[in-house]
């Protein structure tokens, strides 16, 4: 090898080695996760206020669970016509915020024919709206296991409802997500449902605290069992006072919430970490401008960004 060529070879090798080391250090650095929050936490804000706040506080997405206390999104002025949807989508694009999930009130456990059909119809309306908003998910509830109803029969109703909605969502770029909620928060029950449904257009919202507060199952055990189905998460914190749940600012409660967050992040979860501050149901908790901004700050600190 000629001297000049050898010199060039060594210089090139040094550069490549440095790039390799640099790339490795960048890859090992924690990445800031995708953050969203549910509008359940700000029931008295206008849609403009919600979007502005999201953009100003480093949120990537919004989970829509009502606007100005109207939970049926098809009745909200931002979503009730093709023209208003165009305006809404334009605003979201301008602010750099995406729709993440539409939270319906549809519950799959009902056995009464009329009530069951109403809930399925409501969910289908949300699927149609999600398609127009380019929103990947809608949320439905399991939800109860009525004492007067055979337990296996109720689980069968939930399964058949999810299959029907999954079939309806097929080809619309929308996935129907069952939230761990209500009386269906045990891993084995959720696994049975998801395995039986076995549908590409059906997945899960892992509400970590909904499950842990009842079952005390470790996040690691839950994730290991249900990871195949988890598409979206609900993040919150609480403590027990006198045996009753009290929601707290993230990181000030007693739940293993950061254990769950780290498990998700370390295992390549690519979905949103969506803050669910239940202000609509619990008016006594901190104001949304405090709690939602605090969530963004704490998550940024946790991921050292």
C-alpha atoms as a PDB file:
ATOM      1  CA  UNK A   1       0.000   0.000   0.000  1.00  0.00           C
ATOM      2  CA  UNK A   2       1.338   3.451  -0.907  1.00  0.00           C
ATOM      3  CA  UNK A   3       1.958   5.898   1.920  1.00  0.00           C
ATOM      4  CA  UNK A   4      -0.674   8.369   0.714  1.00  0.00           C
ATOM      5  CA  UNK A   5      -3.253   5.604   0.354  1.00  0.00           C
ATOM      6  CA  UNK A   6      -2.367   4.214   3.783  1.00  0.00           C
ATOM      7  CA  UNK A   7      -2.708   7.681   5.297  1.00  0.00           C
ATOM      8  CA  UNK A   8      -6.119   8.148   3.645  1.00  0.00           C
ATOM      9  CA  UNK A   9      -7.165   4.666   4.804  1.00  0.00           C
ATOM     10  CA  UNK A  10      -6.222   5.436   8.412  1.00  0.00           C
ATOM     11  CA  UNK A  11      -7.960   8.818   8.326  1.00  0.00           C
ATOM     12  CA  UNK A  12     -11.116   7.271   6.851  1.00  0.00           C
ATOM     13  CA  UNK A  13     -11.036   4.462   9.427  1.00  0.00           C
ATOM     14  CA  UNK A  14     -10.708   6.981  12.233  1.00  0.00           C
ATOM     15  CA  UNK A  15     -13.677   8.965  10.943  1.00  0.00           C
ATOM     16  CA  UNK A  16     -15.795   5.828  10.566  1.00  0.00           C
ATOM     17  CA  UNK A  17     -14.839   4.698  14.061  1.00  0.00           C
ATOM     18  CA  UNK A  18     -15.746   8.082  15.501  1.00  0.00           C
ATOM     19  CA  UNK A  19     -19.064   8.001  13.642  1.00  0.00           C
ATOM     20  CA  UNK A  20     -19.724   4.535  14.993  1.00  0.00           C
ATOM     21  CA  UNK A  21     -19.026   5.612  18.542  1.00  0.00           C
ATOM     22  CA  UNK A  22     -21.124   8.755  18.132  1.00  0.00           C
ATOM     23  CA  UNK A  23     -23.991   6.814  16.592  1.00  0.00           C
ATOM     24  CA  UNK A  24     -23.867   4.327  19.426  1.00  0.00           C
ATOM     25  CA  UNK A  25     -24.076   7.082  22.007  1.00  0.00           C
ATOM     26  CA  UNK A  26     -27.014   8.675  20.247  1.00  0.00           C
ATOM     27  CA  UNK A  27     -28.815   5.338  19.990  1.00  0.00           C
ATOM     28  CA  UNK A  28     -28.367   4.637  23.686  1.00  0.00           C
ATOM     29  CA  UNK A  29     -29.844   7.997  24.665  1.00  0.00           C
ATOM     30  CA  UNK A  30     -33.446   7.909  25.772  1.00  0.00           C
ATOM     31  CA  UNK A  31     -35.839   9.352  23.250  1.00  0.00           C
ATOM     32  CA  UNK A  32     -38.683  11.574  24.341  1.00  0.00           C
ATOM     33  CA  UNK A  33     -41.882   9.528  24.054  1.00  0.00           C
ATOM     34  CA  UNK A  34     -44.967  10.674  22.200  1.00  0.00           C
ATOM     35  CA  UNK A  35     -47.156  12.585  24.637  1.00  0.00           C
ATOM     36  CA  UNK A  36     -50.872  13.249  24.488  1.00  0.00           C
ATOM     37  CA  UNK A  37     -53.590  14.113  26.955  1.00  0.00           C
ATOM     38  CA  UNK A  38     -57.270  13.342  27.194  1.00  0.00           C
ATOM     39  CA  UNK A  39     -59.775  16.180  27.009  1.00  0.00           C
ATOM     40  CA  UNK A  40     -61.457  14.529  29.993  1.00  0.00           C
ATOM     41  CA  UNK A  41     -58.966  16.633  31.929  1.00  0.00           C
ATOM     42  CA  UNK A  42     -60.126  20.003  30.600  1.00  0.00           C
ATOM     43  CA  UNK A  43     -63.928  19.755  30.300  1.00  0.00           C
ATOM     44  CA  UNK A  44     -64.496  23.510  30.207  1.00  0.00           C
ATOM     45  CA  UNK A  45     -61.930  24.443  27.560  1.00  0.00           C
ATOM     46  CA  UNK A  46     -62.872  25.244  23.994  1.00  0.00           C
ATOM     47  CA  UNK A  47     -61.293  23.180  21.251  1.00  0.00           C
ATOM     48  CA  UNK A  48     -59.089  26.136  20.307  1.00  0.00           C
ATOM     49  CA  UNK A  49     -57.861  26.408  23.904  1.00  0.00           C
ATOM     50  CA  UNK A  50     -57.132  22.675  23.990  1.00  0.00           C
ATOM     51  CA  UNK A  51     -55.101  22.682  20.782  1.00  0.00           C
ATOM     52  CA  UNK A  52     -53.209  25.853  21.736  1.00  0.00           C
ATOM     53  CA  UNK A  53     -52.317  24.410  25.138  1.00  0.00           C
ATOM     54  CA  UNK A  54     -51.162  21.128  23.621  1.00  0.00           C
ATOM     55  CA  UNK A  55     -48.885  22.905  21.162  1.00  0.00           C
ATOM     56  CA  UNK A  56     -47.480  25.257  23.814  1.00  0.00           C
ATOM     57  CA  UNK A  57     -46.678  22.427  26.241  1.00  0.00           C
ATOM     58  CA  UNK A  58     -44.847  19.996  23.949  1.00  0.00           C
ATOM     59  CA  UNK A  59     -47.672  17.530  23.373  1.00  0.00           C
ATOM     60  CA  UNK A  60     -47.672  15.575  20.122  1.00  0.00           C
ATOM     61  CA  UNK A  61     -51.283  14.463  20.187  1.00  0.00           C
ATOM     62  CA  UNK A  62     -54.763  14.766  21.637  1.00  0.00           C
ATOM     63  CA  UNK A  63     -57.124  12.110  22.889  1.00  0.00           C
ATOM     64  CA  UNK A  64     -60.621  13.490  22.452  1.00  0.00           C
ATOM     65  CA  UNK A  65     -63.027  12.557  25.230  1.00  0.00           C
ATOM     66  CA  UNK A  66     -65.599  15.286  24.846  1.00  0.00           C
ATOM     67  CA  UNK A  67     -65.484  19.010  24.159  1.00  0.00           C
ATOM     68  CA  UNK A  68     -67.121  21.440  26.593  1.00  0.00           C
ATOM     69  CA  UNK A  69     -68.704  18.480  28.424  1.00  0.00           C
ATOM     70  CA  UNK A  70     -70.322  17.037  25.298  1.00  0.00           C
ATOM     71  CA  UNK A  71     -69.149  13.429  25.113  1.00  0.00           C
ATOM     72  CA  UNK A  72     -70.864  12.590  21.825  1.00  0.00           C
ATOM     73  CA  UNK A  73     -68.259  14.025  19.481  1.00  0.00           C
ATOM     74  CA  UNK A  74     -70.594  13.838  16.498  1.00  0.00           C
ATOM     75  CA  UNK A  75     -72.613  16.624  18.178  1.00  0.00           C
ATOM     76  CA  UNK A  76     -69.616  18.918  18.722  1.00  0.00           C
ATOM     77  CA  UNK A  77     -69.386  21.805  16.257  1.00  0.00           C
ATOM     78  CA  UNK A  78     -65.796  20.869  15.390  1.00  0.00           C
ATOM     79  CA  UNK A  79     -66.897  17.473  14.077  1.00  0.00           C
ATOM     80  CA  UNK A  80     -70.565  17.713  13.063  1.00  0.00           C
ATOM     81  CA  UNK A  81     -70.143  18.415   9.334  1.00  0.00           C
ATOM     82  CA  UNK A  82     -67.683  17.820   6.509  1.00  0.00           C
ATOM     83  CA  UNK A  83     -66.907  21.547   6.417  1.00  0.00           C
ATOM     84  CA  UNK A  84     -66.180  21.789  10.150  1.00  0.00           C
ATOM     85  CA  UNK A  85     -63.979  18.682   9.995  1.00  0.00           C
ATOM     86  CA  UNK A  86     -61.897  20.324   7.264  1.00  0.00           C
ATOM     87  CA  UNK A  87     -61.419  23.401   9.466  1.00  0.00           C
ATOM     88  CA  UNK A  88     -60.568  21.217  12.461  1.00  0.00           C
ATOM     89  CA  UNK A  89     -58.015  19.159  10.549  1.00  0.00           C
ATOM     90  CA  UNK A  90     -56.430  22.360   9.222  1.00  0.00           C
ATOM     91  CA  UNK A  91     -56.058  23.755  12.741  1.00  0.00           C
ATOM     92  CA  UNK A  92     -54.450  20.549  13.996  1.00  0.00           C
ATOM     93  CA  UNK A  93     -51.989  20.529  11.111  1.00  0.00           C
ATOM     94  CA  UNK A  94     -51.061  24.187  11.681  1.00  0.00           C
ATOM     95  CA  UNK A  95     -50.383  23.508  15.357  1.00  0.00           C
ATOM     96  CA  UNK A  96     -48.438  20.299  14.691  1.00  0.00           C
ATOM     97  CA  UNK A  97     -50.737  18.207  16.865  1.00  0.00           C
ATOM     98  CA  UNK A  98     -52.342  14.893  15.854  1.00  0.00           C
ATOM     99  CA  UNK A  99     -55.536  13.151  16.830  1.00  0.00           C
ATOM    100  CA  UNK A 100     -54.503  10.035  18.737  1.00  0.00           C
ATOM    101  CA  UNK A 101     -57.710   8.445  19.955  1.00  0.00           C
ATOM    102  CA  UNK A 102     -61.433   9.184  20.109  1.00  0.00           C
ATOM    103  CA  UNK A 103     -62.874   8.075  23.437  1.00  0.00           C
ATOM    104  CA  UNK A 104     -66.378   6.772  22.912  1.00  0.00           C
ATOM    105  CA  UNK A 105     -68.774   5.809  25.705  1.00  0.00           C
ATOM    106  CA  UNK A 106     -69.715   2.582  23.953  1.00  0.00           C
ATOM    107  CA  UNK A 107     -69.777  -0.438  26.276  1.00  0.00           C
ATOM    108  CA  UNK A 108     -69.779  -3.982  24.967  1.00  0.00           C
ATOM    109  CA  UNK A 109     -71.279  -5.822  27.965  1.00  0.00           C
ATOM    110  CA  UNK A 110     -74.961  -5.003  27.403  1.00  0.00           C
ATOM    111  CA  UNK A 111     -77.301  -7.927  26.753  1.00  0.00           C
ATOM    112  CA  UNK A 112     -80.479  -5.935  26.168  1.00  0.00           C
ATOM    113  CA  UNK A 113     -81.026  -5.809  22.406  1.00  0.00           C
ATOM    114  CA  UNK A 114     -81.901  -2.129  22.066  1.00  0.00           C
ATOM    115  CA  UNK A 115     -79.179  -0.940  24.441  1.00  0.00           C
ATOM    116  CA  UNK A 116     -76.617  -3.175  22.798  1.00  0.00           C
ATOM    117  CA  UNK A 117     -77.426  -1.941  19.311  1.00  0.00           C
ATOM    118  CA  UNK A 118     -77.278   1.682  20.485  1.00  0.00           C
ATOM    119  CA  UNK A 119     -73.762   1.160  21.898  1.00  0.00           C
ATOM    120  CA  UNK A 120     -72.552  -0.607  18.761  1.00  0.00           C
ATOM    121  CA  UNK A 121     -74.046   2.130  16.565  1.00  0.00           C
ATOM    122  CA  UNK A 122     -72.344   4.821  18.660  1.00  0.00           C
ATOM    123  CA  UNK A 123     -68.991   3.067  18.279  1.00  0.00           C
ATOM    124  CA  UNK A 124     -69.463   2.810  14.514  1.00  0.00           C
ATOM    125  CA  UNK A 125     -70.137   6.564  14.339  1.00  0.00           C
ATOM    126  CA  UNK A 126     -66.851   7.129  16.148  1.00  0.00           C
ATOM    127  CA  UNK A 127     -65.055   4.830  13.702  1.00  0.00           C
ATOM    128  CA  UNK A 128     -66.426   6.867  10.797  1.00  0.00           C
ATOM    129  CA  UNK A 129     -65.391  10.127  12.475  1.00  0.00           C
ATOM    130  CA  UNK A 130     -61.913   8.783  13.245  1.00  0.00           C
ATOM    131  CA  UNK A 131     -61.459   7.922   9.584  1.00  0.00           C
ATOM    132  CA  UNK A 132     -62.316  11.498   8.598  1.00  0.00           C
ATOM    133  CA  UNK A 133     -59.916  12.879  11.207  1.00  0.00           C
ATOM    134  CA  UNK A 134     -57.133  10.462  10.245  1.00  0.00           C
ATOM    135  CA  UNK A 135     -57.201   9.301  13.849  1.00  0.00           C
ATOM    136  CA  UNK A 136     -55.845   5.756  14.270  1.00  0.00           C
ATOM    137  CA  UNK A 137     -57.913   4.633  17.264  1.00  0.00           C
ATOM    138  CA  UNK A 138     -61.279   4.741  18.969  1.00  0.00           C
ATOM    139  CA  UNK A 139     -61.748   3.515  22.527  1.00  0.00           C
ATOM    140  CA  UNK A 140     -64.616   1.339  23.787  1.00  0.00           C
ATOM    141  CA  UNK A 141     -65.328  -0.116  27.216  1.00  0.00           C
ATOM    142  CA  UNK A 142     -65.559  -3.780  28.243  1.00  0.00           C
ATOM    143  CA  UNK A 143     -67.188  -2.689  30.839  1.00  0.00           C
ATOM    144  CA  UNK A 144     -69.192  -4.405  33.616  1.00  0.00           C
ATOM    145  CA  UNK A 145     -69.847  -7.984  34.657  1.00  0.00           C
ATOM    146  CA  UNK A 146     -73.489  -7.674  35.831  1.00  0.00           C
ATOM    147  CA  UNK A 147     -74.348 -10.018  38.689  1.00  0.00           C
ATOM    148  CA  UNK A 148     -77.660 -10.970  37.112  1.00  0.00           C
ATOM    149  CA  UNK A 149     -75.872 -12.052  33.942  1.00  0.00           C
ATOM    150  CA  UNK A 150     -73.756 -15.170  33.474  1.00  0.00           C
ATOM    151  CA  UNK A 151     -70.095 -14.139  33.576  1.00  0.00           C
ATOM    152  CA  UNK A 152     -69.030 -16.169  30.551  1.00  0.00           C
ATOM    153  CA  UNK A 153     -72.055 -14.938  28.631  1.00  0.00           C
ATOM    154  CA  UNK A 154     -71.030 -11.317  29.338  1.00  0.00           C
ATOM    155  CA  UNK A 155     -67.480 -11.973  28.186  1.00  0.00           C
ATOM    156  CA  UNK A 156     -68.966 -13.579  25.062  1.00  0.00           C
ATOM    157  CA  UNK A 157     -70.976 -10.402  24.397  1.00  0.00           C
ATOM    158  CA  UNK A 158     -67.847  -8.284  24.718  1.00  0.00           C
ATOM    159  CA  UNK A 159     -65.993 -10.562  22.319  1.00  0.00           C
ATOM    160  CA  UNK A 160     -68.747 -10.556  19.699  1.00  0.00           C
ATOM    161  CA  UNK A 161     -69.092  -6.779  19.958  1.00  0.00           C
ATOM    162  CA  UNK A 162     -65.388  -6.280  19.368  1.00  0.00           C
ATOM    163  CA  UNK A 163     -65.433  -8.622  16.369  1.00  0.00           C
ATOM    164  CA  UNK A 164     -68.366  -6.733  14.863  1.00  0.00           C
ATOM    165  CA  UNK A 165     -66.647  -3.381  15.348  1.00  0.00           C
ATOM    166  CA  UNK A 166     -63.345  -4.733  14.077  1.00  0.00           C
ATOM    167  CA  UNK A 167     -65.049  -5.913  10.902  1.00  0.00           C
ATOM    168  CA  UNK A 168     -66.673  -2.487  10.526  1.00  0.00           C
ATOM    169  CA  UNK A 169     -63.319  -0.730  10.986  1.00  0.00           C
ATOM    170  CA  UNK A 170     -61.513  -2.961   8.505  1.00  0.00           C
ATOM    171  CA  UNK A 171     -60.184  -0.939   5.581  1.00  0.00           C
ATOM    172  CA  UNK A 172     -60.772   2.418   7.321  1.00  0.00           C
ATOM    173  CA  UNK A 173     -57.276   2.730   8.897  1.00  0.00           C
ATOM    174  CA  UNK A 174     -58.932   2.726  12.309  1.00  0.00           C
ATOM    175  CA  UNK A 175     -58.374   0.240  15.129  1.00  0.00           C
ATOM    176  CA  UNK A 176     -60.912  -0.370  17.896  1.00  0.00           C
ATOM    177  CA  UNK A 177     -59.271  -0.424  21.324  1.00  0.00           C
ATOM    178  CA  UNK A 178     -60.693  -2.082  24.406  1.00  0.00           C
ATOM    179  CA  UNK A 179     -59.649  -0.222  27.557  1.00  0.00           C
ATOM    180  CA  UNK A 180     -58.753  -2.083  30.723  1.00  0.00           C
ATOM    181  CA  UNK A 181     -61.579  -0.550  32.713  1.00  0.00           C
ATOM    182  CA  UNK A 182     -64.484  -1.168  35.032  1.00  0.00           C
ATOM    183  CA  UNK A 183     -64.794  -4.756  36.192  1.00  0.00           C
ATOM    184  CA  UNK A 184     -62.517  -6.110  33.479  1.00  0.00           C
ATOM    185  CA  UNK A 185     -59.061  -5.260  34.729  1.00  0.00           C
ATOM    186  CA  UNK A 186     -57.621  -8.702  35.459  1.00  0.00           C
ATOM    187  CA  UNK A 187     -54.974  -9.797  32.994  1.00  0.00           C
ATOM    188  CA  UNK A 188     -56.380 -13.286  32.483  1.00  0.00           C
ATOM    189  CA  UNK A 189     -59.818 -11.926  31.512  1.00  0.00           C
ATOM    190  CA  UNK A 190     -58.379  -9.391  29.090  1.00  0.00           C
ATOM    191  CA  UNK A 191     -56.093 -12.006  27.556  1.00  0.00           C
ATOM    192  CA  UNK A 192     -59.002 -14.387  27.035  1.00  0.00           C
ATOM    193  CA  UNK A 193     -60.986 -11.667  25.270  1.00  0.00           C
ATOM    194  CA  UNK A 194     -58.150 -10.493  23.061  1.00  0.00           C
ATOM    195  CA  UNK A 195     -57.049 -14.014  22.092  1.00  0.00           C
ATOM    196  CA  UNK A 196     -60.591 -15.000  21.175  1.00  0.00           C
ATOM    197  CA  UNK A 197     -61.256 -11.818  19.194  1.00  0.00           C
ATOM    198  CA  UNK A 198     -57.940 -12.204  17.324  1.00  0.00           C
ATOM    199  CA  UNK A 199     -58.683  -9.341  14.920  1.00  0.00           C
ATOM    200  CA  UNK A 200     -56.190  -7.054  13.154  1.00  0.00           C
ATOM    201  CA  UNK A 201     -58.490  -4.075  13.703  1.00  0.00           C
ATOM    202  CA  UNK A 202     -58.873  -4.645  17.455  1.00  0.00           C
ATOM    203  CA  UNK A 203     -56.341  -3.901  20.186  1.00  0.00           C
ATOM    204  CA  UNK A 204     -56.077  -2.566  23.730  1.00  0.00           C
ATOM    205  CA  UNK A 205     -55.657   0.596  25.749  1.00  0.00           C
ATOM    206  CA  UNK A 206     -53.535  -0.304  28.744  1.00  0.00           C
ATOM    207  CA  UNK A 207     -54.782   1.872  31.574  1.00  0.00           C
ATOM    208  CA  UNK A 208     -52.039   0.958  34.002  1.00  0.00           C
ATOM    209  CA  UNK A 209     -53.535   2.461  37.143  1.00  0.00           C
ATOM    210  CA  UNK A 210     -57.058   1.174  36.422  1.00  0.00           C
ATOM    211  CA  UNK A 211     -55.592  -2.318  36.606  1.00  0.00           C
ATOM    212  CA  UNK A 212     -53.029  -1.899  39.386  1.00  0.00           C
ATOM    213  CA  UNK A 213     -55.407  -0.125  41.772  1.00  0.00           C
ATOM    214  CA  UNK A 214     -57.647  -3.206  41.775  1.00  0.00           C
ATOM    215  CA  UNK A 215     -55.411  -6.204  41.068  1.00  0.00           C
ATOM    216  CA  UNK A 216     -51.985  -5.009  42.303  1.00  0.00           C
ATOM    217  CA  UNK A 217     -50.491  -7.039  39.422  1.00  0.00           C
ATOM    218  CA  UNK A 218     -47.016  -5.821  38.579  1.00  0.00           C
ATOM    219  CA  UNK A 219     -46.640  -3.820  35.352  1.00  0.00           C
ATOM    220  CA  UNK A 220     -43.993  -6.292  34.199  1.00  0.00           C
ATOM    221  CA  UNK A 221     -46.389  -9.231  34.523  1.00  0.00           C
ATOM    222  CA  UNK A 222     -49.219  -7.381  32.796  1.00  0.00           C
ATOM    223  CA  UNK A 223     -47.012  -6.172  29.951  1.00  0.00           C
ATOM    224  CA  UNK A 224     -45.467  -9.585  29.355  1.00  0.00           C
ATOM    225  CA  UNK A 225     -48.920 -11.119  28.956  1.00  0.00           C
ATOM    226  CA  UNK A 226     -50.705  -8.378  27.009  1.00  0.00           C
ATOM    227  CA  UNK A 227     -47.924  -6.624  25.048  1.00  0.00           C
ATOM    228  CA  UNK A 228     -49.087  -8.108  21.746  1.00  0.00           C
ATOM    229  CA  UNK A 229     -52.342  -6.184  22.018  1.00  0.00           C
ATOM    230  CA  UNK A 230     -51.297  -2.854  23.587  1.00  0.00           C
ATOM    231  CA  UNK A 231     -51.629   0.028  21.120  1.00  0.00           C
ATOM    232  CA  UNK A 232     -52.269   2.969  23.419  1.00  0.00           C
ATOM    233  CA  UNK A 233     -51.822   3.802  27.108  1.00  0.00           C
ATOM    234  CA  UNK A 234     -53.481   5.890  29.794  1.00  0.00           C
ATOM    235  CA  UNK A 235     -51.072   7.427  32.279  1.00  0.00           C
ATOM    236  CA  UNK A 236     -52.084   8.795  35.678  1.00  0.00           C
ATOM    237  CA  UNK A 237     -51.212   8.492  39.358  1.00  0.00           C
ATOM    238  CA  UNK A 238     -53.104   8.191  42.624  1.00  0.00           C
ATOM    239  CA  UNK A 239     -52.845   7.408  46.292  1.00  0.00           C
ATOM    240  CA  UNK A 240     -55.237   5.772  48.713  1.00  0.00           C
ATOM    241  CA  UNK A 241     -56.606   7.878  51.556  1.00  0.00           C
ATOM    242  CA  UNK A 242     -58.907   6.109  53.963  1.00  0.00           C
ATOM    243  CA  UNK A 243     -59.235   3.299  51.451  1.00  0.00           C
ATOM    244  CA  UNK A 244     -60.442   5.659  48.720  1.00  0.00           C
ATOM    245  CA  UNK A 245     -58.610   6.617  45.543  1.00  0.00           C
ATOM    246  CA  UNK A 246     -57.373  10.180  45.216  1.00  0.00           C
ATOM    247  CA  UNK A 247     -55.803  11.299  41.952  1.00  0.00           C
ATOM    248  CA  UNK A 248     -52.476  13.078  42.274  1.00  0.00           C
ATOM    249  CA  UNK A 249     -50.027  14.868  40.023  1.00  0.00           C
ATOM    250  CA  UNK A 250     -47.818  12.416  38.165  1.00  0.00           C
ATOM    251  CA  UNK A 251     -45.091  10.993  40.373  1.00  0.00           C
ATOM    252  CA  UNK A 252     -46.638  12.111  43.675  1.00  0.00           C
ATOM    253  CA  UNK A 253     -48.848   9.056  44.189  1.00  0.00           C
ATOM    254  CA  UNK A 254     -48.117   5.463  45.140  1.00  0.00           C
ATOM    255  CA  UNK A 255     -48.636   3.604  41.878  1.00  0.00           C
ATOM    256  CA  UNK A 256     -45.805   1.916  39.932  1.00  0.00           C
ATOM    257  CA  UNK A 257     -46.479   4.230  37.006  1.00  0.00           C
ATOM    258  CA  UNK A 258     -42.859   4.960  36.079  1.00  0.00           C
ATOM    259  CA  UNK A 259     -42.052   1.264  36.233  1.00  0.00           C
ATOM    260  CA  UNK A 260     -44.719   0.738  33.586  1.00  0.00           C
ATOM    261  CA  UNK A 261     -43.531   3.700  31.505  1.00  0.00           C
ATOM    262  CA  UNK A 262     -39.970   2.380  31.501  1.00  0.00           C
ATOM    263  CA  UNK A 263     -41.102  -1.132  30.597  1.00  0.00           C
ATOM    264  CA  UNK A 264     -42.965   0.260  27.605  1.00  0.00           C
ATOM    265  CA  UNK A 265     -40.109   2.491  26.511  1.00  0.00           C
ATOM    266  CA  UNK A 266     -37.405  -0.137  26.963  1.00  0.00           C
ATOM    267  CA  UNK A 267     -39.398  -2.638  24.921  1.00  0.00           C
ATOM    268  CA  UNK A 268     -39.876  -0.404  21.898  1.00  0.00           C
ATOM    269  CA  UNK A 269     -43.436   0.801  22.475  1.00  0.00           C
ATOM    270  CA  UNK A 270     -44.146   3.341  19.725  1.00  0.00           C
ATOM    271  CA  UNK A 271     -47.563   4.566  20.817  1.00  0.00           C
ATOM    272  CA  UNK A 272     -48.614   7.559  22.867  1.00  0.00           C
ATOM    273  CA  UNK A 273     -48.332   8.018  26.604  1.00  0.00           C
ATOM    274  CA  UNK A 274     -51.675   9.713  27.132  1.00  0.00           C
ATOM    275  CA  UNK A 275     -52.329  11.606  30.349  1.00  0.00           C
ATOM    276  CA  UNK A 276     -55.822  10.939  31.655  1.00  0.00           C
ATOM    277  CA  UNK A 277     -56.651  13.570  34.264  1.00  0.00           C
ATOM    278  CA  UNK A 278     -60.253  12.788  35.247  1.00  0.00           C
ATOM    279  CA  UNK A 279     -61.328  16.364  35.950  1.00  0.00           C
ATOM    280  CA  UNK A 280     -64.804  15.867  34.455  1.00  0.00           C
ATOM    281  CA  UNK A 281     -65.583  13.102  36.965  1.00  0.00           C
ATOM    282  CA  UNK A 282     -63.568  14.567  39.873  1.00  0.00           C
ATOM    283  CA  UNK A 283     -63.944  18.367  39.892  1.00  0.00           C
ATOM    284  CA  UNK A 284     -62.026  18.632  43.174  1.00  0.00           C
ATOM    285  CA  UNK A 285     -58.672  17.679  41.643  1.00  0.00           C
ATOM    286  CA  UNK A 286     -56.146  20.233  40.370  1.00  0.00           C
ATOM    287  CA  UNK A 287     -56.970  22.502  37.455  1.00  0.00           C
ATOM    288  CA  UNK A 288     -56.014  21.243  33.988  1.00  0.00           C
ATOM    289  CA  UNK A 289     -53.546  24.057  33.309  1.00  0.00           C
ATOM    290  CA  UNK A 290     -51.641  22.847  36.384  1.00  0.00           C
ATOM    291  CA  UNK A 291     -51.879  19.060  36.052  1.00  0.00           C
ATOM    292  CA  UNK A 292     -51.469  18.729  32.285  1.00  0.00           C
ATOM    293  CA  UNK A 293     -48.506  21.110  32.114  1.00  0.00           C
ATOM    294  CA  UNK A 294     -46.941  19.299  35.086  1.00  0.00           C
ATOM    295  CA  UNK A 295     -47.307  15.972  33.279  1.00  0.00           C
ATOM    296  CA  UNK A 296     -45.346  17.233  30.284  1.00  0.00           C
ATOM    297  CA  UNK A 297     -42.643  18.671  32.552  1.00  0.00           C
ATOM    298  CA  UNK A 298     -42.260  15.482  34.609  1.00  0.00           C
ATOM    299  CA  UNK A 299     -42.148  13.235  31.546  1.00  0.00           C
ATOM    300  CA  UNK A 300     -39.475  15.455  29.994  1.00  0.00           C
ATOM    301  CA  UNK A 301     -37.421  15.266  33.184  1.00  0.00           C
ATOM    302  CA  UNK A 302     -37.883  11.507  33.435  1.00  0.00           C
ATOM    303  CA  UNK A 303     -36.587  10.979  29.930  1.00  0.00           C
ATOM    304  CA  UNK A 304     -33.818  13.568  30.480  1.00  0.00           C
ATOM    305  CA  UNK A 305     -34.735  15.643  27.445  1.00  0.00           C
END
